[in-house]
Structures are given as structure tokens and as C-alpha cells.
N, C-alpha and C. Protein backbone atom coordinates (compact mmCIF):
# COMPACT_ATOMS: atom_id res chain seq x y z
N GLY A 1 0.83 -1.19 -0.03
CA GLY A 1 0.03 -0.05 -0.01
C GLY A 1 0.84 1.29 0.01
N MET A 2 1.71 1.46 1.01
CA MET A 2 2.45 2.70 1.14
C MET A 2 3.61 2.73 0.19
N TYR A 3 3.90 1.66 -0.61
CA TYR A 3 4.95 1.59 -1.49
C TYR A 3 4.71 1.89 -2.98
N HIS A 4 3.51 2.41 -3.31
CA HIS A 4 3.09 2.56 -4.69
C HIS A 4 2.87 4.10 -4.89
N SER A 5 2.86 4.55 -6.18
CA SER A 5 2.90 5.99 -6.47
C SER A 5 1.60 6.63 -6.03
N THR A 6 0.41 6.03 -5.91
CA THR A 6 -0.72 6.68 -5.45
C THR A 6 -0.53 7.27 -4.02
N SER A 7 0.36 6.60 -3.25
CA SER A 7 0.55 7.10 -1.90
C SER A 7 1.76 8.08 -1.87
N GLY A 8 2.34 8.44 -3.08
CA GLY A 8 3.44 9.35 -3.03
C GLY A 8 4.77 8.68 -2.77
N LYS A 9 4.80 7.32 -2.95
CA LYS A 9 6.01 6.60 -2.69
C LYS A 9 6.41 5.79 -3.90
N ALA A 10 7.75 5.49 -4.04
CA ALA A 10 8.27 4.52 -5.03
C ALA A 10 9.12 3.69 -4.20
N GLY A 11 8.55 2.52 -3.80
CA GLY A 11 9.39 1.62 -2.81
C GLY A 11 9.35 2.43 -1.52
N SER A 12 10.56 2.48 -0.90
CA SER A 12 10.52 3.19 0.39
C SER A 12 10.85 4.73 0.28
N ALA A 13 11.13 5.17 -0.81
CA ALA A 13 11.46 6.56 -1.14
C ALA A 13 10.20 7.27 -1.55
N PHE A 14 10.27 8.62 -1.44
CA PHE A 14 9.17 9.35 -1.91
C PHE A 14 9.10 9.37 -3.48
N TYR A 15 7.91 9.19 -4.09
CA TYR A 15 7.79 9.28 -5.40
C TYR A 15 8.11 10.58 -5.99
N LEU A 16 8.84 10.66 -7.05
CA LEU A 16 9.25 11.93 -7.73
C LEU A 16 9.34 11.74 -9.14
N ASP A 17 8.48 12.44 -9.96
CA ASP A 17 8.66 12.38 -11.36
C ASP A 17 9.56 13.68 -11.67
N PRO A 18 10.77 13.48 -12.06
CA PRO A 18 11.68 14.62 -12.24
C PRO A 18 11.31 15.54 -13.35
N ARG A 19 10.37 15.21 -14.18
CA ARG A 19 9.88 16.11 -15.21
C ARG A 19 8.91 17.08 -14.74
N CYS A 20 8.50 16.98 -13.55
CA CYS A 20 7.31 17.74 -13.02
C CYS A 20 7.82 18.81 -11.93
N GLU A 21 7.32 20.00 -12.11
CA GLU A 21 7.53 21.05 -11.13
C GLU A 21 6.49 20.85 -10.05
N PRO A 22 6.75 21.42 -8.89
CA PRO A 22 5.86 21.31 -7.70
C PRO A 22 4.50 22.06 -8.05
N ILE A 23 3.42 21.56 -7.53
CA ILE A 23 2.16 22.37 -7.50
C ILE A 23 2.36 23.42 -6.52
N PRO A 24 2.00 24.69 -6.80
CA PRO A 24 2.09 25.74 -5.84
C PRO A 24 1.44 25.31 -4.53
N ARG A 25 2.17 25.80 -3.42
CA ARG A 25 1.74 25.33 -2.08
C ARG A 25 0.29 25.56 -1.73
N GLU A 26 -0.23 26.79 -1.98
CA GLU A 26 -1.67 27.10 -1.67
C GLU A 26 -2.53 26.31 -2.45
N ASP A 27 -2.31 25.96 -3.71
CA ASP A 27 -3.09 25.04 -4.63
C ASP A 27 -3.06 23.64 -4.05
N LEU A 28 -1.86 23.23 -3.64
CA LEU A 28 -1.69 21.88 -3.15
C LEU A 28 -2.56 21.61 -1.87
N ILE A 29 -2.51 22.67 -1.02
CA ILE A 29 -3.29 22.55 0.23
C ILE A 29 -4.81 22.38 -0.07
N ARG A 30 -5.36 23.11 -1.00
CA ARG A 30 -6.66 22.89 -1.52
C ARG A 30 -6.95 21.50 -2.04
N ILE A 31 -6.01 21.07 -2.83
CA ILE A 31 -6.18 19.74 -3.45
C ILE A 31 -6.08 18.66 -2.35
N LEU A 32 -5.15 18.76 -1.41
CA LEU A 32 -5.08 17.72 -0.28
C LEU A 32 -6.36 17.83 0.59
N LYS A 33 -6.87 18.92 0.87
CA LYS A 33 -8.07 19.00 1.64
C LYS A 33 -9.24 18.33 0.85
N MET A 34 -9.37 18.58 -0.46
CA MET A 34 -10.38 18.02 -1.31
C MET A 34 -10.28 16.47 -1.30
N GLU A 35 -8.95 16.02 -1.50
CA GLU A 35 -8.75 14.58 -1.56
C GLU A 35 -9.12 13.93 -0.20
N ASP A 36 -8.76 14.59 0.95
CA ASP A 36 -9.22 14.00 2.23
C ASP A 36 -10.66 14.00 2.39
N GLU A 37 -11.36 15.07 1.95
CA GLU A 37 -12.88 15.07 2.06
C GLU A 37 -13.45 13.97 1.17
N LEU A 38 -12.99 13.79 0.04
CA LEU A 38 -13.47 12.67 -0.88
C LEU A 38 -13.18 11.35 -0.31
N ARG A 39 -11.93 11.19 0.22
CA ARG A 39 -11.54 9.88 0.77
C ARG A 39 -12.38 9.49 1.93
N HIS A 40 -12.85 10.42 2.68
CA HIS A 40 -13.66 10.09 3.83
C HIS A 40 -15.16 9.96 3.55
N SER A 41 -15.59 10.24 2.35
CA SER A 41 -17.03 10.31 1.97
C SER A 41 -17.50 8.82 2.15
N LYS A 42 -18.80 8.69 2.40
CA LYS A 42 -19.50 7.43 2.51
C LYS A 42 -19.23 6.61 1.25
N GLU A 43 -19.44 7.19 0.11
CA GLU A 43 -19.37 6.53 -1.11
C GLU A 43 -17.92 5.94 -1.27
N THR A 44 -16.89 6.66 -1.04
CA THR A 44 -15.57 6.17 -1.12
C THR A 44 -15.24 5.08 -0.14
N GLN A 45 -15.73 5.29 1.10
CA GLN A 45 -15.45 4.26 2.16
C GLN A 45 -16.14 2.94 1.72
N GLU A 46 -17.27 3.07 1.15
CA GLU A 46 -17.98 1.78 0.59
C GLU A 46 -17.15 1.12 -0.40
N GLN A 47 -16.62 1.92 -1.30
CA GLN A 47 -15.62 1.37 -2.33
C GLN A 47 -14.52 0.62 -1.76
N TYR A 48 -13.84 1.32 -0.77
CA TYR A 48 -12.66 0.77 -0.17
C TYR A 48 -13.00 -0.49 0.69
N SER A 49 -14.26 -0.60 1.10
CA SER A 49 -14.68 -1.64 1.96
C SER A 49 -15.14 -2.91 1.18
N ARG A 50 -15.31 -2.87 -0.06
CA ARG A 50 -15.75 -4.01 -0.90
C ARG A 50 -14.90 -5.16 -0.60
N LEU A 51 -15.43 -6.36 -0.54
CA LEU A 51 -14.76 -7.69 -0.20
C LEU A 51 -14.92 -8.68 -1.29
N ASP A 52 -15.43 -8.33 -2.38
CA ASP A 52 -15.80 -9.38 -3.41
C ASP A 52 -14.65 -9.56 -4.37
N PHE A 53 -13.47 -9.81 -3.85
CA PHE A 53 -12.39 -10.03 -4.74
C PHE A 53 -11.79 -11.49 -4.54
N GLN A 54 -11.30 -12.08 -5.59
CA GLN A 54 -10.78 -13.39 -5.51
C GLN A 54 -9.45 -13.52 -4.80
N ASP A 55 -8.64 -12.40 -4.93
CA ASP A 55 -7.27 -12.47 -4.28
C ASP A 55 -6.84 -11.05 -3.91
N GLY A 56 -5.81 -11.04 -3.02
CA GLY A 56 -5.32 -9.77 -2.63
C GLY A 56 -4.79 -8.87 -3.63
N ASN A 57 -4.27 -9.31 -4.69
CA ASN A 57 -3.71 -8.51 -5.80
C ASN A 57 -4.84 -7.75 -6.45
N LYS A 58 -5.96 -8.37 -6.69
CA LYS A 58 -7.12 -7.78 -7.36
C LYS A 58 -7.65 -6.72 -6.35
N TYR A 59 -7.67 -7.02 -5.11
CA TYR A 59 -8.18 -6.00 -4.11
C TYR A 59 -7.24 -4.79 -4.12
N LEU A 60 -5.94 -4.95 -4.14
CA LEU A 60 -4.91 -3.94 -4.08
C LEU A 60 -5.11 -3.09 -5.34
N GLN A 61 -5.37 -3.73 -6.55
CA GLN A 61 -5.53 -3.03 -7.79
C GLN A 61 -6.85 -2.13 -7.64
N HIS A 62 -7.89 -2.70 -7.00
CA HIS A 62 -9.13 -1.91 -6.79
C HIS A 62 -8.88 -0.69 -5.92
N ILE A 63 -8.04 -0.88 -4.77
CA ILE A 63 -7.79 0.26 -3.87
C ILE A 63 -7.03 1.35 -4.67
N MET A 64 -6.05 0.93 -5.45
CA MET A 64 -5.25 1.87 -6.22
C MET A 64 -6.12 2.55 -7.15
N LYS A 65 -7.06 1.91 -7.91
CA LYS A 65 -8.03 2.53 -8.86
C LYS A 65 -8.92 3.57 -8.09
N VAL A 66 -9.52 3.11 -7.01
CA VAL A 66 -10.41 4.05 -6.27
C VAL A 66 -9.58 5.28 -5.78
N THR A 67 -8.37 5.09 -5.31
CA THR A 67 -7.50 6.19 -4.93
C THR A 67 -7.15 7.18 -6.11
N GLU A 68 -6.87 6.55 -7.22
CA GLU A 68 -6.59 7.37 -8.39
C GLU A 68 -7.79 8.23 -8.80
N GLU A 69 -8.98 7.56 -8.78
CA GLU A 69 -10.22 8.28 -9.10
C GLU A 69 -10.37 9.46 -8.15
N ILE A 70 -10.13 9.35 -6.84
CA ILE A 70 -10.26 10.42 -5.78
C ILE A 70 -9.19 11.50 -6.23
N GLN A 71 -8.06 11.11 -6.54
CA GLN A 71 -6.96 12.07 -6.81
C GLN A 71 -7.32 12.92 -8.16
N ILE A 72 -7.87 12.18 -9.15
CA ILE A 72 -8.27 12.83 -10.40
C ILE A 72 -9.36 13.85 -10.07
N ARG A 73 -10.38 13.43 -9.25
CA ARG A 73 -11.48 14.19 -9.02
C ARG A 73 -11.12 15.46 -8.22
N ALA A 74 -10.09 15.33 -7.22
CA ALA A 74 -9.68 16.45 -6.45
C ALA A 74 -8.83 17.38 -7.27
N LEU A 75 -8.00 16.92 -8.20
CA LEU A 75 -7.30 17.73 -9.10
C LEU A 75 -8.21 18.56 -9.98
N THR A 76 -9.25 17.87 -10.58
CA THR A 76 -10.13 18.54 -11.45
C THR A 76 -11.00 19.54 -10.83
N GLU A 77 -11.49 19.29 -9.61
CA GLU A 77 -12.29 20.17 -8.88
C GLU A 77 -11.50 21.37 -8.40
N CYS A 78 -10.25 21.24 -8.33
CA CYS A 78 -9.32 22.42 -7.85
C CYS A 78 -8.65 23.11 -9.03
N GLY A 79 -9.10 22.80 -10.26
CA GLY A 79 -8.57 23.58 -11.39
C GLY A 79 -7.38 22.90 -12.11
N TYR A 80 -7.05 21.68 -11.75
CA TYR A 80 -5.93 20.99 -12.41
C TYR A 80 -6.32 19.78 -13.22
N GLY A 81 -7.45 19.87 -13.87
CA GLY A 81 -8.00 18.87 -14.73
C GLY A 81 -7.34 18.72 -16.12
N ASP A 82 -6.81 19.88 -16.61
CA ASP A 82 -6.09 19.89 -17.78
C ASP A 82 -4.76 19.13 -17.65
N PHE A 83 -4.21 18.51 -18.68
CA PHE A 83 -2.95 17.86 -18.61
C PHE A 83 -2.91 16.92 -17.43
N LEU A 84 -4.03 16.06 -17.22
CA LEU A 84 -4.33 15.29 -16.11
C LEU A 84 -3.09 14.34 -15.79
N LYS A 85 -2.56 13.70 -16.77
CA LYS A 85 -1.48 12.72 -16.44
C LYS A 85 -0.25 13.50 -15.78
N LYS A 86 0.08 14.57 -16.32
CA LYS A 86 1.20 15.38 -15.76
C LYS A 86 0.87 15.87 -14.29
N ASN A 87 -0.41 16.43 -14.22
CA ASN A 87 -0.81 16.94 -12.93
C ASN A 87 -0.98 15.90 -11.89
N LEU A 88 -1.33 14.63 -12.29
CA LEU A 88 -1.38 13.52 -11.34
C LEU A 88 0.05 13.21 -10.92
N ALA A 89 1.00 13.23 -11.77
CA ALA A 89 2.39 12.98 -11.45
C ALA A 89 2.87 14.15 -10.47
N ARG A 90 2.50 15.42 -10.78
CA ARG A 90 2.91 16.44 -9.88
C ARG A 90 2.35 16.29 -8.46
N PHE A 91 1.05 15.88 -8.46
CA PHE A 91 0.41 15.69 -7.20
C PHE A 91 1.05 14.57 -6.42
N ARG A 92 1.33 13.46 -7.07
CA ARG A 92 1.96 12.31 -6.40
C ARG A 92 3.34 12.61 -5.90
N SER A 93 4.00 13.67 -6.59
CA SER A 93 5.41 13.98 -6.22
C SER A 93 5.41 15.01 -5.13
N HIS A 94 4.30 15.38 -4.54
CA HIS A 94 4.27 16.45 -3.58
C HIS A 94 5.08 16.11 -2.25
N ARG A 95 5.06 14.82 -1.86
CA ARG A 95 5.83 14.51 -0.67
C ARG A 95 7.31 14.64 -0.93
N ALA A 96 7.84 14.53 -2.04
CA ALA A 96 9.21 14.80 -2.42
C ALA A 96 9.42 16.19 -2.52
N HIS A 97 8.60 17.01 -3.22
CA HIS A 97 8.71 18.40 -3.42
C HIS A 97 8.65 19.21 -2.13
N TYR A 98 7.86 18.66 -1.23
CA TYR A 98 7.56 19.37 0.11
C TYR A 98 8.10 18.53 1.19
N ARG A 99 9.15 17.83 1.05
CA ARG A 99 9.56 16.83 2.05
C ARG A 99 9.97 17.47 3.41
N ASP A 100 10.34 18.79 3.36
CA ASP A 100 10.65 19.47 4.69
C ASP A 100 9.42 20.33 5.23
N ASP A 101 8.34 20.24 4.58
CA ASP A 101 7.19 20.96 5.01
C ASP A 101 6.19 20.21 5.79
N GLU A 102 6.28 20.24 7.14
CA GLU A 102 5.55 19.39 8.10
C GLU A 102 4.06 19.59 7.86
N GLU A 103 3.69 20.82 7.64
CA GLU A 103 2.21 21.09 7.46
C GLU A 103 1.66 20.32 6.29
N ILE A 104 2.36 20.36 5.08
CA ILE A 104 1.96 19.66 3.95
C ILE A 104 1.98 18.19 4.13
N LEU A 105 3.00 17.68 4.77
CA LEU A 105 3.13 16.23 4.96
C LEU A 105 2.01 15.70 5.92
N LYS A 106 1.62 16.54 6.87
CA LYS A 106 0.55 16.17 7.74
C LYS A 106 -0.79 16.24 7.18
N MET A 107 -0.91 17.02 6.17
CA MET A 107 -2.30 17.23 5.44
C MET A 107 -2.56 15.97 4.56
N SER A 108 -1.52 15.33 4.04
CA SER A 108 -1.64 14.19 3.22
C SER A 108 -2.01 13.01 4.03
N VAL A 109 -3.08 12.31 3.61
CA VAL A 109 -3.48 11.05 4.41
C VAL A 109 -2.26 10.06 4.47
N TYR A 110 -1.49 10.01 3.44
CA TYR A 110 -0.40 9.18 3.46
C TYR A 110 0.77 9.67 4.32
N GLY A 111 0.94 10.99 4.36
CA GLY A 111 1.93 11.58 5.26
C GLY A 111 1.60 11.37 6.68
N ARG A 112 0.32 11.49 7.08
CA ARG A 112 -0.07 11.27 8.41
C ARG A 112 -0.01 9.83 8.84
N HIS A 113 -0.23 8.81 8.00
CA HIS A 113 -0.33 7.45 8.37
C HIS A 113 0.90 6.56 7.94
N ASP A 114 1.83 7.13 7.21
CA ASP A 114 2.92 6.36 6.67
C ASP A 114 3.94 5.98 7.70
N ILE A 115 3.94 4.73 8.10
CA ILE A 115 5.03 4.29 9.04
C ILE A 115 5.92 3.30 8.32
N SER A 116 5.87 3.24 7.00
CA SER A 116 6.69 2.31 6.24
C SER A 116 8.16 2.79 6.49
N VAL A 117 9.04 1.88 6.39
CA VAL A 117 10.46 2.19 6.55
C VAL A 117 11.15 1.35 5.52
N ASP A 118 12.44 1.74 5.36
CA ASP A 118 13.24 1.03 4.49
C ASP A 118 13.51 -0.40 5.04
N ALA A 119 13.96 -1.30 4.18
CA ALA A 119 13.96 -2.70 4.57
C ALA A 119 15.13 -3.11 5.57
N ASN A 120 15.86 -2.09 6.04
CA ASN A 120 16.90 -2.40 6.99
C ASN A 120 16.28 -2.98 8.24
N PRO A 121 16.62 -4.26 8.66
CA PRO A 121 15.92 -4.92 9.70
C PRO A 121 16.02 -4.18 11.07
N SER A 122 17.11 -3.56 11.34
CA SER A 122 17.21 -2.88 12.67
C SER A 122 16.29 -1.61 12.76
N VAL A 123 16.12 -0.93 11.63
CA VAL A 123 15.23 0.16 11.62
C VAL A 123 13.74 -0.37 11.60
N PHE A 124 13.44 -1.44 10.82
CA PHE A 124 12.13 -1.94 10.81
C PHE A 124 11.71 -2.42 12.16
N ALA A 125 12.53 -3.11 12.89
CA ALA A 125 12.19 -3.72 14.20
C ALA A 125 11.69 -2.59 15.15
N LYS A 126 12.26 -1.37 15.00
CA LYS A 126 11.81 -0.34 15.90
C LYS A 126 10.43 0.19 15.71
N ASN A 127 9.91 -0.12 14.46
CA ASN A 127 8.55 0.32 14.11
C ASN A 127 7.52 -0.67 14.17
N VAL A 128 7.81 -1.95 14.48
CA VAL A 128 6.83 -3.01 14.50
C VAL A 128 5.97 -2.78 15.69
N PRO A 129 4.57 -2.76 15.56
CA PRO A 129 3.71 -2.62 16.67
C PRO A 129 3.68 -3.84 17.61
N LYS A 130 3.30 -3.73 18.77
CA LYS A 130 3.19 -4.83 19.76
C LYS A 130 2.19 -5.83 19.09
N LEU A 131 2.46 -7.02 19.31
CA LEU A 131 1.70 -8.18 18.69
C LEU A 131 0.21 -8.10 19.18
N GLU A 132 -0.03 -7.65 20.37
CA GLU A 132 -1.49 -7.58 20.84
C GLU A 132 -2.21 -6.41 20.23
N ASP A 133 -1.41 -5.46 19.61
CA ASP A 133 -2.09 -4.32 18.93
C ASP A 133 -2.43 -4.52 17.46
N VAL A 134 -2.04 -5.61 16.92
CA VAL A 134 -2.14 -5.99 15.50
C VAL A 134 -3.55 -6.61 15.34
N LYS A 135 -4.43 -5.98 14.55
CA LYS A 135 -5.76 -6.65 14.27
C LYS A 135 -5.63 -7.65 13.25
N LEU A 136 -6.29 -8.79 13.48
CA LEU A 136 -6.30 -9.91 12.52
C LEU A 136 -7.73 -10.26 12.17
N PHE A 137 -7.85 -10.54 10.95
CA PHE A 137 -9.23 -10.90 10.48
C PHE A 137 -9.15 -12.18 9.67
N ASP A 138 -10.13 -13.07 9.76
CA ASP A 138 -10.13 -14.21 8.99
C ASP A 138 -10.71 -13.95 7.57
N LEU A 139 -10.76 -14.86 6.70
CA LEU A 139 -11.09 -14.48 5.32
C LEU A 139 -12.64 -14.17 5.19
N GLY A 140 -13.42 -14.46 6.22
CA GLY A 140 -14.75 -13.96 6.37
C GLY A 140 -14.90 -12.58 6.91
N GLY A 141 -13.87 -11.97 7.27
CA GLY A 141 -13.87 -10.62 7.78
C GLY A 141 -14.12 -10.48 9.31
N VAL A 142 -14.07 -11.68 9.96
CA VAL A 142 -14.34 -11.75 11.43
C VAL A 142 -13.00 -11.47 12.16
N GLU A 143 -12.95 -10.51 13.08
CA GLU A 143 -11.78 -10.19 13.78
C GLU A 143 -11.41 -11.39 14.73
N ARG A 144 -10.04 -11.72 14.70
CA ARG A 144 -9.64 -12.86 15.50
C ARG A 144 -8.42 -12.36 16.30
N THR A 145 -8.06 -13.13 17.38
CA THR A 145 -6.85 -12.83 18.13
C THR A 145 -5.82 -13.89 17.63
N LEU A 146 -4.53 -13.59 17.94
CA LEU A 146 -3.55 -14.60 17.59
C LEU A 146 -3.76 -15.81 18.38
N ALA A 147 -4.12 -15.71 19.61
CA ALA A 147 -4.39 -16.93 20.49
C ALA A 147 -5.48 -17.84 19.95
N ASP A 148 -6.47 -17.27 19.20
CA ASP A 148 -7.53 -18.00 18.48
C ASP A 148 -6.92 -18.84 17.46
N LEU A 149 -5.84 -18.35 16.84
CA LEU A 149 -5.35 -19.02 15.70
C LEU A 149 -4.32 -20.04 15.96
N LEU A 150 -3.63 -19.91 17.06
CA LEU A 150 -2.58 -20.84 17.40
C LEU A 150 -3.13 -22.11 18.14
N SER A 151 -2.39 -23.18 17.91
CA SER A 151 -2.76 -24.47 18.53
C SER A 151 -1.49 -25.01 19.27
N PRO A 152 -1.57 -25.30 20.54
CA PRO A 152 -0.32 -25.80 21.12
C PRO A 152 0.12 -27.13 20.70
N ASN A 153 -0.75 -27.80 20.05
CA ASN A 153 -0.41 -29.25 19.60
C ASN A 153 -0.15 -29.31 18.06
N LYS A 154 -0.25 -28.30 17.31
CA LYS A 154 -0.09 -28.34 15.89
C LYS A 154 0.73 -27.11 15.37
N LEU A 155 1.44 -27.38 14.30
CA LEU A 155 2.09 -26.21 13.65
C LEU A 155 1.06 -25.34 13.02
N THR A 156 1.27 -24.04 13.08
CA THR A 156 0.34 -23.11 12.50
C THR A 156 1.00 -22.19 11.50
N LEU A 157 0.38 -22.15 10.30
CA LEU A 157 0.95 -21.20 9.28
C LEU A 157 -0.02 -20.06 9.16
N ILE A 158 0.44 -18.79 9.38
CA ILE A 158 -0.33 -17.64 9.26
C ILE A 158 0.16 -16.86 8.11
N ILE A 159 -0.73 -16.62 7.12
CA ILE A 159 -0.39 -15.81 5.99
C ILE A 159 -1.11 -14.49 6.13
N ALA A 160 -0.39 -13.41 6.15
CA ALA A 160 -1.05 -12.07 6.37
C ALA A 160 -0.50 -11.13 5.37
N SER A 161 -1.36 -10.07 5.20
CA SER A 161 -0.95 -8.97 4.27
C SER A 161 -1.63 -7.74 4.91
N SER A 162 -1.24 -6.61 4.27
CA SER A 162 -1.69 -5.28 4.74
C SER A 162 -2.30 -4.61 3.50
N ILE A 163 -3.39 -3.89 3.64
CA ILE A 163 -3.84 -3.08 2.62
C ILE A 163 -3.17 -1.76 2.58
N SER A 164 -2.64 -1.32 3.64
CA SER A 164 -1.98 -0.03 3.69
C SER A 164 -0.52 -0.13 3.54
């Protein structure tokens, strides 16, 4: 989730299209506010919550598509609908363009919630949440605890992924 361009990332680094100049700060603030409003709408949350996918890759593609639609709509409603492909790249590059601007980074949903780190194990280990804080759900969407899933008399294989 946090490692694709719709989140403003390219792997563990900020996404940056070197051909694109930054969106002016005041315009970017308007676009980020609009994106946040659209993202939290009932319609969008229903789209994000769909569970009728055969596998995780199809679900991730769906999430990326919904996110791109939100970004396109926010750009269009804020006057950046022309040259949409370029403006989408400019918008997705905002975390790199404004990497030292805490206000901008906190306005972006991905800036507020991005705890992804580089693959360095020592850095990663410092950011891993406590096991009891990790929410687990079975394939039916029912919340489970790790204790529910483990058996003292059998080996247990747990396959997990994250949408974010």
C-alpha cells in the first residue's frame, strides 16, 4: 500500500517524477483538503470496503483505482483537470517536493499514516507494533486474536498482508 505511486512513494522513497515542477503550495493545500474530504466520504469508504475479490492483488488494484479516481477528482475540482497525467504525477510527487514542510506532509493522508520504513531490519524492528495491537481478520472478515489461531499441539501457518 504505502509503497506505490498513489501514496506518493516509490518503494521506500518518496515518489518523484523529475519532469514535474511542484504544484504551488496554496493550490496543493486545497487539493489535499479536497482529496481528504473525498476519501472520507461514505461513497468512497464503501468502495474501499468491498470484499468481493478473489485475491489480494485484485483487491490492491481496486484500492489503487479508487485512490486514483479520488486524486483525479480532487485535481479536476481544484482547477488541475487539464494535462491530467502530468498533474497527477505532480500531485503524487508532492511528498518529495515538500519533504521538509511538516504542514503539507501532515495534510496528506499518506503523510499522516505512513509508518513504512526502508527494509533495514534494525530500523524496521523499531517500528513494528506490539503483537497484541495488531488486528487480525479471517477470510470472512471476522476479527480474531492470535491466540484463537494458534494451537499448542499443531504447527500453524499464518499468511497475512496489509492493505496499507
